[in-house]
């Protein structure tokens, strides 16, 4: 994943780490070309990234799906409102490929993205990493935010070193 972000010229990783993207946070802390910018609340991630973008940088954000709901006003009024080509990595807490989850954070993510008309890609394994450049291409082409949902299976496989 880090190689994909470096290849895309990412300058800043604005994040509130979560269980699904903790591996990205750990790896990016060791990557000298990308500055990690922690936030206290998910709702701060989009405004911080917008400021970096206006300053000529190429930021991404990484927050959990429940945090994206908290960040809804920033998504609506800022990212969508000004046409911010922001790639948003979203920890897909509660997601599994079988589709049965008791966690409403997972149940609501895709309908929530559809409601805002935010395009998205799901990464469940290293085989899906080719979707990351597609997200950057889509964001640049449309001048709109695009989400990359990081599935729980990917986080667990990455932690185990299986992929």
N, C-alpha and C. Protein backbone atom coordinates (compact mmCIF):
# COMPACT_ATOMS: atom_id res chain seq x y z
N UNK A 1 0.83 -1.20 0.00
CA UNK A 1 0.00 0.00 0.00
C UNK A 1 0.87 1.25 0.00
N UNK A 2 1.92 1.28 0.81
CA UNK A 2 2.79 2.46 0.89
C UNK A 2 3.39 2.77 -0.48
N UNK A 3 3.83 1.75 -1.19
CA UNK A 3 4.41 1.96 -2.52
C UNK A 3 3.40 2.63 -3.46
N UNK A 4 2.13 2.23 -3.34
CA UNK A 4 1.08 2.85 -4.16
C UNK A 4 0.96 4.34 -3.85
N UNK A 5 1.01 4.69 -2.57
CA UNK A 5 0.86 6.09 -2.16
C UNK A 5 2.06 6.92 -2.59
N UNK A 6 3.24 6.36 -2.46
CA UNK A 6 4.46 7.06 -2.90
C UNK A 6 4.39 7.27 -4.41
N UNK A 7 3.98 6.25 -5.14
CA UNK A 7 3.86 6.34 -6.60
C UNK A 7 2.86 7.42 -7.01
N UNK A 8 1.83 7.64 -6.21
CA UNK A 8 0.82 8.66 -6.52
C UNK A 8 1.25 10.05 -6.08
N UNK A 9 2.42 10.17 -5.48
CA UNK A 9 2.92 11.48 -5.06
C UNK A 9 2.22 12.05 -3.84
N UNK A 10 1.71 11.20 -2.97
CA UNK A 10 1.04 11.66 -1.75
C UNK A 10 2.04 12.40 -0.88
N UNK A 11 1.64 13.56 -0.42
CA UNK A 11 2.53 14.39 0.42
C UNK A 11 2.21 14.26 1.90
N UNK A 12 0.92 14.11 2.23
CA UNK A 12 0.47 14.10 3.62
C UNK A 12 -0.61 13.02 3.82
N UNK A 13 -0.54 12.37 4.95
CA UNK A 13 -1.49 11.34 5.35
C UNK A 13 -2.21 11.88 6.59
N UNK A 14 -3.41 12.44 6.39
CA UNK A 14 -4.19 13.05 7.46
C UNK A 14 -5.08 11.95 8.05
N UNK A 15 -4.92 11.67 9.35
CA UNK A 15 -5.54 10.47 9.86
C UNK A 15 -5.95 10.53 11.32
N UNK A 16 -6.95 9.75 11.62
CA UNK A 16 -7.25 9.32 12.97
C UNK A 16 -7.23 7.80 12.87
N UNK A 17 -6.13 7.16 13.28
CA UNK A 17 -5.97 5.72 13.05
C UNK A 17 -7.11 4.89 13.65
N UNK A 18 -7.41 3.80 12.98
CA UNK A 18 -8.43 2.86 13.44
C UNK A 18 -7.91 1.44 13.21
N UNK A 19 -8.66 0.46 13.63
CA UNK A 19 -8.19 -0.92 13.55
C UNK A 19 -7.97 -1.39 12.11
N UNK A 20 -8.78 -0.94 11.17
CA UNK A 20 -8.64 -1.39 9.78
C UNK A 20 -7.49 -0.71 9.05
N UNK A 21 -7.09 0.46 9.46
CA UNK A 21 -6.00 1.16 8.76
C UNK A 21 -4.77 1.37 9.64
N UNK A 22 -4.71 0.72 10.80
CA UNK A 22 -3.56 0.89 11.70
C UNK A 22 -2.27 0.45 11.02
N UNK A 23 -2.34 -0.59 10.17
CA UNK A 23 -1.14 -1.04 9.47
C UNK A 23 -0.61 0.04 8.52
N UNK A 24 -1.51 0.80 7.90
CA UNK A 24 -1.08 1.90 7.03
C UNK A 24 -0.39 2.98 7.85
N UNK A 25 -0.96 3.31 8.99
CA UNK A 25 -0.38 4.32 9.86
C UNK A 25 1.03 3.91 10.27
N UNK A 26 1.18 2.68 10.72
CA UNK A 26 2.50 2.20 11.16
C UNK A 26 3.51 2.25 10.01
N UNK A 27 3.11 1.80 8.84
CA UNK A 27 4.02 1.80 7.69
C UNK A 27 4.36 3.22 7.24
N UNK A 28 3.39 4.11 7.27
CA UNK A 28 3.64 5.48 6.81
C UNK A 28 4.46 6.29 7.80
N UNK A 29 4.44 5.92 9.05
CA UNK A 29 5.31 6.59 10.03
C UNK A 29 6.78 6.39 9.66
N UNK A 30 7.07 5.31 8.97
CA UNK A 30 8.45 5.00 8.57
C UNK A 30 8.77 5.49 7.15
N UNK A 31 7.82 6.08 6.46
CA UNK A 31 8.03 6.54 5.08
C UNK A 31 8.41 8.02 5.09
N UNK A 32 9.66 8.35 4.75
CA UNK A 32 10.11 9.75 4.87
C UNK A 32 9.48 10.72 3.87
N UNK A 33 8.93 10.24 2.77
CA UNK A 33 8.39 11.16 1.76
C UNK A 33 6.96 11.59 2.05
N UNK A 34 6.31 10.97 3.04
CA UNK A 34 4.91 11.29 3.37
C UNK A 34 4.85 11.74 4.82
N UNK A 35 4.28 12.92 5.03
CA UNK A 35 4.13 13.46 6.38
C UNK A 35 2.81 12.98 6.98
N UNK A 36 2.87 12.37 8.15
CA UNK A 36 1.67 11.93 8.84
C UNK A 36 1.13 13.09 9.68
N UNK A 37 -0.16 13.40 9.48
CA UNK A 37 -0.80 14.49 10.20
C UNK A 37 -1.97 13.92 11.01
N UNK A 38 -1.78 13.69 12.30
CA UNK A 38 -2.89 13.16 13.11
C UNK A 38 -3.91 14.24 13.43
N UNK A 39 -5.17 13.82 13.50
CA UNK A 39 -6.25 14.72 13.90
C UNK A 39 -6.93 14.14 15.14
N UNK A 40 -7.63 14.98 15.88
CA UNK A 40 -8.29 14.53 17.11
C UNK A 40 -9.69 13.97 16.84
N UNK A 41 -10.33 14.45 15.77
CA UNK A 41 -11.67 13.98 15.39
C UNK A 41 -11.70 13.80 13.88
N UNK A 42 -12.47 12.82 13.43
CA UNK A 42 -12.55 12.55 11.99
C UNK A 42 -13.06 13.75 11.21
N UNK A 43 -13.93 14.55 11.81
CA UNK A 43 -14.48 15.72 11.13
C UNK A 43 -13.43 16.76 10.78
N UNK A 44 -12.25 16.68 11.37
CA UNK A 44 -11.16 17.61 11.07
C UNK A 44 -10.35 17.18 9.85
N UNK A 45 -10.42 15.92 9.46
CA UNK A 45 -9.54 15.38 8.42
C UNK A 45 -9.75 16.07 7.06
N UNK A 46 -10.98 16.21 6.63
CA UNK A 46 -11.25 16.83 5.32
C UNK A 46 -10.83 18.30 5.31
N UNK A 47 -11.17 19.12 6.30
CA UNK A 47 -10.70 20.51 6.28
C UNK A 47 -9.17 20.64 6.30
N UNK A 48 -8.49 19.79 7.07
CA UNK A 48 -7.03 19.84 7.08
C UNK A 48 -6.48 19.48 5.70
N UNK A 49 -7.04 18.44 5.10
CA UNK A 49 -6.60 18.04 3.76
C UNK A 49 -6.90 19.14 2.73
N UNK A 50 -8.04 19.80 2.86
CA UNK A 50 -8.38 20.88 1.93
C UNK A 50 -7.35 22.01 2.03
N UNK A 51 -6.96 22.37 3.25
CA UNK A 51 -5.94 23.40 3.42
C UNK A 51 -4.62 22.99 2.78
N UNK A 52 -4.23 21.74 2.96
CA UNK A 52 -3.00 21.25 2.34
C UNK A 52 -3.10 21.28 0.81
N UNK A 53 -4.26 20.88 0.29
CA UNK A 53 -4.47 20.90 -1.16
C UNK A 53 -4.36 22.32 -1.71
N UNK A 54 -4.98 23.27 -1.03
CA UNK A 54 -4.92 24.68 -1.46
C UNK A 54 -3.49 25.20 -1.41
N UNK A 55 -2.68 24.66 -0.49
CA UNK A 55 -1.27 25.05 -0.37
C UNK A 55 -0.38 24.31 -1.37
N UNK A 56 -1.00 23.57 -2.29
CA UNK A 56 -0.22 22.92 -3.35
C UNK A 56 0.27 21.53 -3.01
N UNK A 57 -0.24 20.94 -1.95
CA UNK A 57 0.18 19.59 -1.55
C UNK A 57 -0.79 18.55 -2.11
N UNK A 58 -0.45 17.27 -1.92
CA UNK A 58 -1.28 16.17 -2.42
C UNK A 58 -1.63 15.24 -1.25
N UNK A 59 -2.57 15.67 -0.38
CA UNK A 59 -2.90 14.87 0.80
C UNK A 59 -3.93 13.78 0.52
N UNK A 60 -3.97 12.82 1.42
CA UNK A 60 -5.07 11.87 1.49
C UNK A 60 -5.54 11.88 2.94
N UNK A 61 -6.73 11.32 3.17
CA UNK A 61 -7.17 11.14 4.55
C UNK A 61 -7.40 9.66 4.80
N UNK A 62 -7.37 9.29 6.07
CA UNK A 62 -7.67 7.92 6.48
C UNK A 62 -8.43 7.98 7.79
N UNK A 63 -9.70 7.57 7.73
CA UNK A 63 -10.57 7.55 8.92
C UNK A 63 -11.45 6.32 8.86
N UNK A 64 -12.08 5.98 9.96
CA UNK A 64 -12.98 4.83 10.02
C UNK A 64 -14.35 5.19 9.46
N UNK A 65 -15.11 4.19 9.04
CA UNK A 65 -16.44 4.44 8.48
C UNK A 65 -17.33 5.23 9.45
N UNK A 66 -17.32 4.89 10.72
CA UNK A 66 -18.12 5.64 11.69
C UNK A 66 -17.66 7.10 11.75
N UNK A 67 -16.37 7.32 11.59
CA UNK A 67 -15.84 8.68 11.57
C UNK A 67 -16.24 9.45 10.33
N UNK A 68 -16.41 8.74 9.22
CA UNK A 68 -16.88 9.42 8.00
C UNK A 68 -18.29 9.98 8.22
N UNK A 69 -19.10 9.26 8.98
CA UNK A 69 -20.44 9.77 9.27
C UNK A 69 -20.34 11.07 10.07
N UNK A 70 -19.41 11.10 11.02
CA UNK A 70 -19.20 12.31 11.83
C UNK A 70 -18.67 13.45 10.96
N UNK A 71 -17.95 13.11 9.91
CA UNK A 71 -17.36 14.11 9.02
C UNK A 71 -18.30 14.52 7.88
N UNK A 72 -19.55 14.12 7.96
CA UNK A 72 -20.49 14.36 6.86
C UNK A 72 -20.61 15.81 6.43
N UNK A 73 -20.63 16.74 7.36
CA UNK A 73 -20.77 18.14 6.97
C UNK A 73 -19.55 18.64 6.22
N UNK A 74 -18.38 18.21 6.62
CA UNK A 74 -17.15 18.59 5.90
C UNK A 74 -17.13 17.94 4.52
N UNK A 75 -17.62 16.72 4.42
CA UNK A 75 -17.71 16.05 3.12
C UNK A 75 -18.65 16.83 2.20
N UNK A 76 -19.82 17.18 2.72
CA UNK A 76 -20.82 17.90 1.93
C UNK A 76 -20.39 19.31 1.57
N UNK A 77 -20.06 20.06 2.60
CA UNK A 77 -19.83 21.49 2.38
C UNK A 77 -18.46 21.85 1.85
N UNK A 78 -17.50 20.98 2.07
CA UNK A 78 -16.13 21.32 1.66
C UNK A 78 -15.66 20.43 0.51
N UNK A 79 -15.52 19.14 0.75
CA UNK A 79 -14.98 18.26 -0.29
C UNK A 79 -15.84 18.26 -1.54
N UNK A 80 -17.14 18.05 -1.37
CA UNK A 80 -18.03 18.08 -2.53
C UNK A 80 -18.30 19.51 -2.98
N UNK A 81 -18.40 20.41 -2.01
CA UNK A 81 -18.74 21.80 -2.32
C UNK A 81 -17.72 22.53 -3.16
N UNK A 82 -16.44 22.28 -2.91
CA UNK A 82 -15.41 22.98 -3.71
C UNK A 82 -14.80 22.10 -4.79
N UNK A 83 -15.25 20.86 -4.87
CA UNK A 83 -14.69 19.96 -5.87
C UNK A 83 -13.27 19.54 -5.52
N UNK A 84 -13.11 18.98 -4.33
CA UNK A 84 -11.80 18.58 -3.84
C UNK A 84 -11.47 17.16 -4.32
N UNK A 85 -10.43 17.00 -5.14
CA UNK A 85 -10.08 15.67 -5.64
C UNK A 85 -9.30 14.88 -4.59
N UNK A 86 -9.98 14.53 -3.53
CA UNK A 86 -9.37 13.92 -2.36
C UNK A 86 -9.64 12.42 -2.32
N UNK A 87 -8.57 11.64 -2.18
CA UNK A 87 -8.74 10.20 -1.98
C UNK A 87 -8.85 9.97 -0.48
N UNK A 88 -9.93 9.30 -0.09
CA UNK A 88 -10.24 9.06 1.31
C UNK A 88 -10.16 7.56 1.59
N UNK A 89 -9.21 7.15 2.41
CA UNK A 89 -9.13 5.75 2.83
C UNK A 89 -10.03 5.59 4.04
N UNK A 90 -11.00 4.70 3.93
CA UNK A 90 -12.00 4.53 4.96
C UNK A 90 -11.89 3.12 5.54
N UNK A 91 -11.61 3.03 6.83
CA UNK A 91 -11.61 1.73 7.49
C UNK A 91 -13.02 1.18 7.51
N UNK A 92 -13.22 0.04 6.88
CA UNK A 92 -14.55 -0.55 6.70
C UNK A 92 -14.85 -1.47 7.88
N UNK A 93 -14.94 -0.87 9.06
CA UNK A 93 -15.18 -1.61 10.29
C UNK A 93 -16.45 -2.45 10.19
N UNK A 94 -16.33 -3.73 10.53
CA UNK A 94 -17.49 -4.62 10.52
C UNK A 94 -17.73 -5.32 9.19
N UNK A 95 -16.99 -4.94 8.14
CA UNK A 95 -17.19 -5.52 6.82
C UNK A 95 -16.64 -6.94 6.76
N UNK A 96 -17.35 -7.80 6.07
CA UNK A 96 -16.80 -9.10 5.69
C UNK A 96 -17.39 -9.48 4.34
N UNK A 97 -16.70 -10.31 3.64
CA UNK A 97 -17.10 -10.65 2.27
C UNK A 97 -18.43 -11.40 2.22
N UNK A 98 -18.81 -12.02 3.32
CA UNK A 98 -20.06 -12.78 3.33
C UNK A 98 -21.28 -11.86 3.41
N UNK A 99 -21.05 -10.62 3.82
CA UNK A 99 -22.13 -9.65 3.83
C UNK A 99 -22.99 -9.65 5.07
N UNK A 100 -22.82 -10.62 5.95
CA UNK A 100 -23.64 -10.60 7.16
C UNK A 100 -22.82 -10.00 8.30
N UNK A 101 -23.26 -8.86 8.75
CA UNK A 101 -22.55 -8.17 9.82
C UNK A 101 -23.56 -7.57 10.79
N UNK A 102 -23.30 -7.71 12.08
CA UNK A 102 -24.18 -7.06 13.05
C UNK A 102 -23.81 -5.59 13.27
N UNK A 103 -22.75 -5.14 12.63
CA UNK A 103 -22.23 -3.79 12.86
C UNK A 103 -22.85 -2.81 11.87
N UNK A 104 -23.67 -1.90 12.37
CA UNK A 104 -24.34 -0.94 11.48
C UNK A 104 -23.36 0.00 10.80
N UNK A 105 -22.16 0.18 11.37
CA UNK A 105 -21.16 1.02 10.70
C UNK A 105 -20.83 0.44 9.33
N UNK A 106 -20.76 -0.89 9.23
CA UNK A 106 -20.51 -1.53 7.94
C UNK A 106 -21.76 -1.50 7.06
N UNK A 107 -22.89 -1.76 7.64
CA UNK A 107 -24.14 -1.81 6.88
C UNK A 107 -24.43 -0.49 6.17
N UNK A 108 -24.09 0.62 6.81
CA UNK A 108 -24.44 1.93 6.26
C UNK A 108 -23.39 2.53 5.32
N UNK A 109 -22.15 2.01 5.29
CA UNK A 109 -21.09 2.71 4.55
C UNK A 109 -21.41 2.88 3.07
N UNK A 110 -21.69 1.82 2.38
CA UNK A 110 -21.91 1.95 0.94
C UNK A 110 -23.16 2.77 0.61
N UNK A 111 -24.29 2.57 1.30
CA UNK A 111 -25.43 3.47 1.04
C UNK A 111 -25.10 4.94 1.33
N UNK A 112 -24.28 5.17 2.36
CA UNK A 112 -23.88 6.54 2.71
C UNK A 112 -23.06 7.17 1.57
N UNK A 113 -22.12 6.40 1.04
CA UNK A 113 -21.32 6.91 -0.09
C UNK A 113 -22.19 7.13 -1.31
N UNK A 114 -23.12 6.23 -1.56
CA UNK A 114 -24.06 6.41 -2.68
C UNK A 114 -24.91 7.67 -2.49
N UNK A 115 -25.36 7.90 -1.26
CA UNK A 115 -26.20 9.07 -0.98
C UNK A 115 -25.46 10.36 -1.35
N UNK A 116 -24.17 10.44 -1.05
CA UNK A 116 -23.38 11.63 -1.36
C UNK A 116 -22.83 11.60 -2.79
N UNK A 117 -23.10 10.50 -3.51
CA UNK A 117 -22.58 10.31 -4.88
C UNK A 117 -21.05 10.30 -4.90
N UNK A 118 -20.48 9.66 -3.89
CA UNK A 118 -19.03 9.51 -3.81
C UNK A 118 -18.67 8.15 -4.37
N UNK A 119 -17.86 8.13 -5.43
CA UNK A 119 -17.38 6.88 -5.99
C UNK A 119 -16.46 6.20 -4.98
N UNK A 120 -16.39 4.88 -5.03
CA UNK A 120 -15.55 4.17 -4.08
C UNK A 120 -15.06 2.85 -4.65
N UNK A 121 -13.99 2.36 -4.04
CA UNK A 121 -13.40 1.07 -4.34
C UNK A 121 -13.20 0.35 -3.01
N UNK A 122 -13.30 -0.98 -3.01
CA UNK A 122 -13.09 -1.76 -1.79
C UNK A 122 -11.79 -2.56 -1.96
N UNK A 123 -10.93 -2.50 -0.94
CA UNK A 123 -9.70 -3.28 -0.91
C UNK A 123 -9.84 -4.33 0.19
N UNK A 124 -9.82 -5.60 -0.22
CA UNK A 124 -9.93 -6.70 0.73
C UNK A 124 -8.66 -7.53 0.81
N UNK A 125 -7.76 -7.37 -0.17
CA UNK A 125 -6.50 -8.12 -0.18
C UNK A 125 -5.50 -7.36 -1.05
N UNK A 126 -4.26 -7.83 -1.04
CA UNK A 126 -3.25 -7.21 -1.90
C UNK A 126 -3.61 -7.32 -3.37
N UNK A 127 -4.43 -8.31 -3.72
CA UNK A 127 -4.89 -8.44 -5.10
C UNK A 127 -5.73 -7.25 -5.55
N UNK A 128 -6.25 -6.51 -4.59
CA UNK A 128 -7.11 -5.36 -4.90
C UNK A 128 -6.35 -4.04 -4.95
N UNK A 129 -5.04 -4.06 -4.73
CA UNK A 129 -4.28 -2.80 -4.67
C UNK A 129 -4.28 -2.05 -6.00
N UNK A 130 -4.60 -2.71 -7.11
CA UNK A 130 -4.70 -2.00 -8.38
C UNK A 130 -5.85 -1.00 -8.39
N UNK A 131 -6.71 -1.07 -7.38
CA UNK A 131 -7.82 -0.12 -7.27
C UNK A 131 -7.37 1.23 -6.72
N UNK A 132 -6.23 1.25 -6.04
CA UNK A 132 -5.74 2.50 -5.45
C UNK A 132 -5.41 3.53 -6.54
N UNK A 133 -4.62 3.20 -7.56
CA UNK A 133 -4.41 4.21 -8.61
C UNK A 133 -5.69 4.60 -9.34
N UNK A 134 -6.63 3.66 -9.43
CA UNK A 134 -7.92 4.00 -10.06
C UNK A 134 -8.64 5.07 -9.26
N UNK A 135 -8.55 5.00 -7.93
CA UNK A 135 -9.18 6.02 -7.09
C UNK A 135 -8.54 7.38 -7.32
N UNK A 136 -7.22 7.43 -7.41
CA UNK A 136 -6.54 8.70 -7.67
C UNK A 136 -6.90 9.25 -9.05
N UNK A 137 -6.97 8.37 -10.05
CA UNK A 137 -7.36 8.80 -11.40
C UNK A 137 -8.78 9.36 -11.41
N UNK A 138 -9.69 8.67 -10.73
CA UNK A 138 -11.10 9.11 -10.69
C UNK A 138 -11.22 10.46 -9.99
N UNK A 139 -10.51 10.63 -8.87
CA UNK A 139 -10.57 11.90 -8.14
C UNK A 139 -10.05 13.04 -9.01
N UNK A 140 -8.93 12.82 -9.70
CA UNK A 140 -8.36 13.86 -10.56
C UNK A 140 -9.27 14.17 -11.74
N UNK A 141 -9.86 13.14 -12.32
CA UNK A 141 -10.72 13.33 -13.50
C UNK A 141 -12.01 14.06 -13.16
N UNK A 142 -12.58 13.76 -11.99
CA UNK A 142 -13.89 14.32 -11.63
C UNK A 142 -13.81 15.54 -10.72
N UNK A 143 -12.61 15.83 -10.16
CA UNK A 143 -12.48 16.88 -9.14
C UNK A 143 -13.48 16.67 -8.01
N UNK A 144 -13.57 15.42 -7.57
CA UNK A 144 -14.46 15.05 -6.47
C UNK A 144 -13.73 14.05 -5.58
N UNK A 145 -14.16 13.96 -4.32
CA UNK A 145 -13.56 12.95 -3.45
C UNK A 145 -13.93 11.55 -3.91
N UNK A 146 -13.02 10.61 -3.67
CA UNK A 146 -13.23 9.20 -3.98
C UNK A 146 -12.78 8.41 -2.76
N UNK A 147 -13.54 7.39 -2.39
CA UNK A 147 -13.22 6.59 -1.21
C UNK A 147 -12.57 5.26 -1.61
N UNK A 148 -11.65 4.83 -0.77
CA UNK A 148 -11.08 3.49 -0.84
C UNK A 148 -11.41 2.84 0.51
N UNK A 149 -12.35 1.91 0.50
CA UNK A 149 -12.76 1.25 1.74
C UNK A 149 -11.82 0.08 2.01
N UNK A 150 -11.19 0.12 3.19
CA UNK A 150 -10.23 -0.92 3.57
C UNK A 150 -10.98 -1.96 4.41
N UNK A 151 -11.20 -3.13 3.80
CA UNK A 151 -11.96 -4.17 4.47
C UNK A 151 -11.23 -4.79 5.64
N UNK A 152 -11.99 -5.28 6.57
CA UNK A 152 -11.44 -5.91 7.77
C UNK A 152 -10.54 -7.08 7.40
N UNK A 153 -10.91 -7.83 6.35
CA UNK A 153 -10.09 -8.97 5.95
C UNK A 153 -8.68 -8.52 5.55
N UNK A 154 -8.58 -7.38 4.87
CA UNK A 154 -7.27 -6.87 4.45
C UNK A 154 -6.43 -6.52 5.67
N UNK A 155 -7.04 -5.86 6.63
CA UNK A 155 -6.31 -5.47 7.84
C UNK A 155 -5.83 -6.70 8.61
N UNK A 156 -6.68 -7.72 8.75
CA UNK A 156 -6.30 -8.92 9.47
C UNK A 156 -5.21 -9.69 8.73
N UNK A 157 -5.33 -9.80 7.40
CA UNK A 157 -4.31 -10.50 6.62
C UNK A 157 -2.98 -9.76 6.70
N UNK A 158 -3.01 -8.44 6.64
CA UNK A 158 -1.80 -7.65 6.71
C UNK A 158 -1.12 -7.81 8.07
N UNK A 159 -1.91 -7.81 9.14
CA UNK A 159 -1.36 -7.97 10.49
C UNK A 159 -0.69 -9.34 10.64
N UNK A 160 -1.27 -10.36 10.01
CA UNK A 160 -0.75 -11.71 10.13
C UNK A 160 0.43 -11.96 9.20
N UNK A 161 0.69 -11.00 8.30
CA UNK A 161 1.77 -11.17 7.33
C UNK A 161 1.44 -12.15 6.24
N UNK A 162 0.15 -12.45 6.09
CA UNK A 162 -0.27 -13.45 5.13
C UNK A 162 -0.29 -12.91 3.70
N UNK A 163 -0.31 -11.60 3.55
CA UNK A 163 -0.40 -11.07 2.19
C UNK A 163 0.72 -10.10 1.93
